[in-house]
Amino acid sequence: MSGTLNKVMLIGHLGDEVKMHYFDDKNCVGRFPLATNETYTNRTTNERVTNTEWHNIVVRNKAAEICEKYLSKGDKIYIEGRIKTRKWTDDKGMERYSTEIQCTDFTFLSNKNENQQAQPANTPSNSVSEPQQQASNSIAPETEEDDDLPF
């Protein structure tokens, strides 16, 4: 073992859509900001304080295409990866640094049905999801009565 570890685990919400960059050799990179929140109570004022930290997430190739297809602003996601700092030169010739999270694994935590139900009532997708929800609610009690489980 080398004695060092560069591992990051984050759960947060997308701050924007996934921005894709394609290269000549069919490789691609997706980038998006991820917001994580820390909430605590200030002991002197008893006021609830929330701090938001923004992380620049980078995903590559097939993972980037999956993120672009299924993620949208506000979605909740679990990210695993490593911290990487890039050095680059801006338009004015100044050296700049950017710290990013190079994503190695992710799990979508937002349920798309929840997002559809949160939409305004005048959208067509909301009217489609309501009957499905009502149908699943009416079926659920019957299946619970058929259980032989003691709990």
C-alpha atoms as a PDB file:
ATOM      1  CA  MET A   1       0.000   0.000   0.000  1.00  0.00           C
ATOM      2  CA  SER A   2       1.319   3.437  -0.911  1.00  0.00           C
ATOM      3  CA  GLY A   3      -0.051   5.151   2.203  1.00  0.00           C
ATOM      4  CA  THR A   4      -2.102   7.783   0.357  1.00  0.00           C
ATOM      5  CA  LEU A   5      -5.704   7.986  -0.720  1.00  0.00           C
ATOM      6  CA  ASN A   6      -7.544  10.364  -3.026  1.00  0.00           C
ATOM      7  CA  LYS A   7     -11.224   9.491  -2.749  1.00  0.00           C
ATOM      8  CA  VAL A   8     -14.303  11.701  -2.700  1.00  0.00           C
ATOM      9  CA  MET A   9     -17.912  10.729  -1.976  1.00  0.00           C
ATOM     10  CA  LEU A  10     -20.607  13.374  -2.469  1.00  0.00           C
ATOM     11  CA  ILE A  11     -24.391  13.476  -2.399  1.00  0.00           C
ATOM     12  CA  GLY A  12     -25.825  16.642  -3.859  1.00  0.00           C
ATOM     13  CA  HIS A  13     -28.039  18.331  -6.414  1.00  0.00           C
ATOM     14  CA  LEU A  14     -27.097  19.322  -9.964  1.00  0.00           C
ATOM     15  CA  GLY A  15     -26.759  23.078 -10.329  1.00  0.00           C
ATOM     16  CA  ASP A  16     -27.070  23.022 -14.119  1.00  0.00           C
ATOM     17  CA  GLU A  17     -27.491  20.673 -17.076  1.00  0.00           C
ATOM     18  CA  VAL A  18     -24.598  18.390 -18.090  1.00  0.00           C
ATOM     19  CA  LYS A  19     -22.351  20.192 -20.596  1.00  0.00           C
ATOM     20  CA  MET A  20     -20.813  17.810 -23.127  1.00  0.00           C
ATOM     21  CA  HIS A  21     -17.539  18.191 -25.030  1.00  0.00           C
ATOM     22  CA  TYR A  22     -16.823  15.747 -27.867  1.00  0.00           C
ATOM     23  CA  PHE A  23     -13.390  14.933 -29.278  1.00  0.00           C
ATOM     24  CA  ASP A  24     -12.283  13.617 -32.675  1.00  0.00           C
ATOM     25  CA  ASP A  25     -11.600  10.060 -31.517  1.00  0.00           C
ATOM     26  CA  LYS A  26     -15.209   9.551 -30.266  1.00  0.00           C
ATOM     27  CA  ASN A  27     -14.285  10.298 -26.658  1.00  0.00           C
ATOM     28  CA  CYS A  28     -16.314  12.804 -24.691  1.00  0.00           C
ATOM     29  CA  VAL A  29     -16.323  14.631 -21.377  1.00  0.00           C
ATOM     30  CA  GLY A  30     -19.352  15.816 -19.433  1.00  0.00           C
ATOM     31  CA  ARG A  31     -19.153  18.576 -16.823  1.00  0.00           C
ATOM     32  CA  PHE A  32     -21.687  19.828 -14.310  1.00  0.00           C
ATOM     33  CA  PRO A  33     -21.754  21.688 -10.984  1.00  0.00           C
ATOM     34  CA  LEU A  34     -22.912  19.814  -7.887  1.00  0.00           C
ATOM     35  CA  ALA A  35     -24.188  21.571  -4.757  1.00  0.00           C
ATOM     36  CA  THR A  36     -23.800  20.090  -1.283  1.00  0.00           C
ATOM     37  CA  ASN A  37     -25.311  21.739   1.793  1.00  0.00           C
ATOM     38  CA  GLU A  38     -24.214  21.911   5.413  1.00  0.00           C
ATOM     39  CA  THR A  39     -26.825  23.037   7.927  1.00  0.00           C
ATOM     40  CA  TYR A  40     -26.201  23.868  11.569  1.00  0.00           C
ATOM     41  CA  THR A  41     -27.595  26.039  14.353  1.00  0.00           C
ATOM     42  CA  ASN A  42     -25.563  29.045  15.475  1.00  0.00           C
ATOM     43  CA  ARG A  43     -25.196  28.679  19.253  1.00  0.00           C
ATOM     44  CA  THR A  44     -25.065  32.400  19.996  1.00  0.00           C
ATOM     45  CA  THR A  45     -28.069  33.479  17.907  1.00  0.00           C
ATOM     46  CA  ASN A  46     -29.961  30.132  17.751  1.00  0.00           C
ATOM     47  CA  GLU A  47     -30.334  30.835  14.031  1.00  0.00           C
ATOM     48  CA  ARG A  48     -30.300  28.021  11.477  1.00  0.00           C
ATOM     49  CA  VAL A  49     -27.405  28.510   9.024  1.00  0.00           C
ATOM     50  CA  THR A  50     -26.995  26.721   5.686  1.00  0.00           C
ATOM     51  CA  ASN A  51     -23.729  26.760   3.751  1.00  0.00           C
ATOM     52  CA  THR A  52     -23.653  25.562   0.145  1.00  0.00           C
ATOM     53  CA  GLU A  53     -20.450  24.213  -1.361  1.00  0.00           C
ATOM     54  CA  TRP A  54     -20.133  23.897  -5.147  1.00  0.00           C
ATOM     55  CA  HIS A  55     -18.122  21.100  -6.773  1.00  0.00           C
ATOM     56  CA  ASN A  56     -17.092  20.825 -10.430  1.00  0.00           C
ATOM     57  CA  ILE A  57     -17.842  17.246 -11.550  1.00  0.00           C
ATOM     58  CA  VAL A  58     -16.197  15.665 -14.604  1.00  0.00           C
ATOM     59  CA  VAL A  59     -17.420  12.390 -16.163  1.00  0.00           C
ATOM     60  CA  ARG A  60     -15.956  10.703 -19.224  1.00  0.00           C
ATOM     61  CA  ASN A  61     -17.115   8.741 -22.262  1.00  0.00           C
ATOM     62  CA  LYS A  62     -20.081   6.356 -21.742  1.00  0.00           C
ATOM     63  CA  ALA A  63     -20.701   7.615 -18.182  1.00  0.00           C
ATOM     64  CA  ALA A  64     -20.882  11.176 -19.538  1.00  0.00           C
ATOM     65  CA  GLU A  65     -23.432  10.160 -22.165  1.00  0.00           C
ATOM     66  CA  ILE A  66     -25.573   8.443 -19.516  1.00  0.00           C
ATOM     67  CA  CYS A  67     -25.439  11.514 -17.282  1.00  0.00           C
ATOM     68  CA  GLU A  68     -26.385  13.794 -20.170  1.00  0.00           C
ATOM     69  CA  LYS A  69     -29.351  11.587 -21.074  1.00  0.00           C
ATOM     70  CA  TYR A  70     -30.836  11.048 -17.609  1.00  0.00           C
ATOM     71  CA  LEU A  71     -29.761  13.964 -15.407  1.00  0.00           C
ATOM     72  CA  SER A  72     -31.203  17.443 -15.307  1.00  0.00           C
ATOM     73  CA  LYS A  73     -30.838  20.493 -13.114  1.00  0.00           C
ATOM     74  CA  GLY A  74     -31.948  19.854  -9.536  1.00  0.00           C
ATOM     75  CA  ASP A  75     -31.588  16.064  -9.653  1.00  0.00           C
ATOM     76  CA  LYS A  76     -30.005  14.375  -6.654  1.00  0.00           C
ATOM     77  CA  ILE A  77     -26.978  12.156  -7.310  1.00  0.00           C
ATOM     78  CA  TYR A  78     -24.311  10.221  -5.421  1.00  0.00           C
ATOM     79  CA  ILE A  79     -20.799  10.714  -6.832  1.00  0.00           C
ATOM     80  CA  GLU A  80     -17.583   8.803  -6.152  1.00  0.00           C
ATOM     81  CA  GLY A  81     -14.308   9.986  -7.570  1.00  0.00           C
ATOM     82  CA  ARG A  82     -11.014  11.714  -6.923  1.00  0.00           C
ATOM     83  CA  ILE A  83      -9.853  15.307  -6.645  1.00  0.00           C
ATOM     84  CA  LYS A  84      -7.839  16.676  -9.541  1.00  0.00           C
ATOM     85  CA  THR A  85      -6.416  20.184  -9.888  1.00  0.00           C
ATOM     86  CA  ARG A  86      -5.846  21.500 -13.408  1.00  0.00           C
ATOM     87  CA  LYS A  87      -3.578  24.374 -14.342  1.00  0.00           C
ATOM     88  CA  TRP A  88      -4.512  26.429 -17.415  1.00  0.00           C
ATOM     89  CA  THR A  89      -3.873  29.810 -19.002  1.00  0.00           C
ATOM     90  CA  ASP A  90      -6.783  32.207 -19.557  1.00  0.00           C
ATOM     91  CA  ASP A  91      -7.315  34.647 -22.442  1.00  0.00           C
ATOM     92  CA  LYS A  92      -5.201  37.311 -20.725  1.00  0.00           C
ATOM     93  CA  GLY A  93      -2.224  34.979 -20.274  1.00  0.00           C
ATOM     94  CA  MET A  94      -2.800  34.500 -16.538  1.00  0.00           C
ATOM     95  CA  GLU A  95      -2.241  31.065 -15.044  1.00  0.00           C
ATOM     96  CA  ARG A  96      -5.421  29.750 -13.469  1.00  0.00           C
ATOM     97  CA  TYR A  97      -6.213  26.696 -11.375  1.00  0.00           C
ATOM     98  CA  SER A  98      -9.380  24.637 -11.281  1.00  0.00           C
ATOM     99  CA  THR A  99     -10.191  21.881  -8.781  1.00  0.00           C
ATOM    100  CA  GLU A 100     -12.498  19.180 -10.103  1.00  0.00           C
ATOM    101  CA  ILE A 101     -13.942  15.874  -9.010  1.00  0.00           C
ATOM    102  CA  GLN A 102     -13.080  13.192 -11.582  1.00  0.00           C
ATOM    103  CA  CYS A 103     -16.113  10.902 -11.287  1.00  0.00           C
ATOM    104  CA  THR A 104     -15.409   7.152 -11.240  1.00  0.00           C
ATOM    105  CA  ASP A 105     -18.840   5.964 -10.101  1.00  0.00           C
ATOM    106  CA  PHE A 106     -22.296   7.471  -9.622  1.00  0.00           C
ATOM    107  CA  THR A 107     -25.837   6.568  -8.590  1.00  0.00           C
ATOM    108  CA  PHE A 108     -28.958   8.533  -9.475  1.00  0.00           C
ATOM    109  CA  LEU A 109     -30.949   9.301  -6.326  1.00  0.00           C
ATOM    110  CA  SER A 110     -33.836  11.315  -7.822  1.00  0.00           C
ATOM    111  CA  ASN A 111     -36.964   9.421  -8.729  1.00  0.00           C
ATOM    112  CA  LYS A 112     -38.225  10.686 -12.081  1.00  0.00           C
ATOM    113  CA  ASN A 113     -41.851  10.022 -10.996  1.00  0.00           C
ATOM    114  CA  GLU A 114     -41.370  12.466  -8.098  1.00  0.00           C
ATOM    115  CA  ASN A 115     -40.066  15.090 -10.502  1.00  0.00           C
ATOM    116  CA  GLN A 116     -43.057  14.662 -12.807  1.00  0.00           C
ATOM    117  CA  GLN A 117     -45.503  15.037  -9.922  1.00  0.00           C
ATOM    118  CA  ALA A 118     -43.742  18.224  -8.828  1.00  0.00           C
ATOM    119  CA  GLN A 119     -44.466  19.841 -12.202  1.00  0.00           C
ATOM    120  CA  PRO A 120     -47.388  22.276 -12.552  1.00  0.00           C
ATOM    121  CA  ALA A 121     -50.814  20.690 -13.114  1.00  0.00           C
ATOM    122  CA  ASN A 122     -51.145  22.051 -16.655  1.00  0.00           C
ATOM    123  CA  THR A 123     -48.292  19.900 -18.017  1.00  0.00           C
ATOM    124  CA  PRO A 124     -49.273  16.722 -19.872  1.00  0.00           C
ATOM    125  CA  SER A 125     -46.740  14.512 -18.046  1.00  0.00           C
ATOM    126  CA  ASN A 126     -48.405  15.228 -14.696  1.00  0.00           C
ATOM    127  CA  SER A 127     -51.788  13.996 -15.893  1.00  0.00           C
ATOM    128  CA  VAL A 128     -50.181  10.749 -17.066  1.00  0.00           C
ATOM    129  CA  SER A 129     -48.422  10.073 -13.749  1.00  0.00           C
ATOM    130  CA  GLU A 130     -51.516  10.653 -11.552  1.00  0.00           C
ATOM    131  CA  PRO A 131     -53.540   7.653 -12.804  1.00  0.00           C
ATOM    132  CA  GLN A 132     -50.467   5.439 -12.459  1.00  0.00           C
ATOM    133  CA  GLN A 133     -50.035   6.565  -8.874  1.00  0.00           C
ATOM    134  CA  GLN A 134     -53.710   6.004  -8.056  1.00  0.00           C
ATOM    135  CA  ALA A 135     -53.602   2.537  -9.609  1.00  0.00           C
ATOM    136  CA  SER A 136     -50.547   1.538  -7.579  1.00  0.00           C
ATOM    137  CA  ASN A 137     -52.136   2.868  -4.372  1.00  0.00           C
ATOM    138  CA  SER A 138     -55.319   0.834  -4.907  1.00  0.00           C
ATOM    139  CA  ILE A 139     -53.343  -2.354  -5.553  1.00  0.00           C
ATOM    140  CA  ALA A 140     -51.018  -2.017  -2.556  1.00  0.00           C
ATOM    141  CA  PRO A 141     -53.537  -2.875   0.233  1.00  0.00           C
ATOM    142  CA  GLU A 142     -54.593  -6.114  -1.516  1.00  0.00           C
ATOM    143  CA  THR A 143     -51.010  -7.361  -1.735  1.00  0.00           C
ATOM    144  CA  GLU A 144     -50.373  -6.558   1.940  1.00  0.00           C
ATOM    145  CA  GLU A 145     -53.374  -8.686   3.039  1.00  0.00           C
ATOM    146  CA  ASP A 146     -52.080 -11.680   1.071  1.00  0.00           C
ATOM    147  CA  ASP A 147     -48.744 -11.659   2.947  1.00  0.00           C
ATOM    148  CA  ASP A 148     -48.144 -14.494   5.399  1.00  0.00           C
ATOM    149  CA  LEU A 149     -45.325 -12.597   7.058  1.00  0.00           C
ATOM    150  CA  PRO A 150     -45.698 -12.020  10.824  1.00  0.00           C
ATOM    151  CA  PHE A 151     -44.552  -8.399  10.663  1.00  0.00           C
END
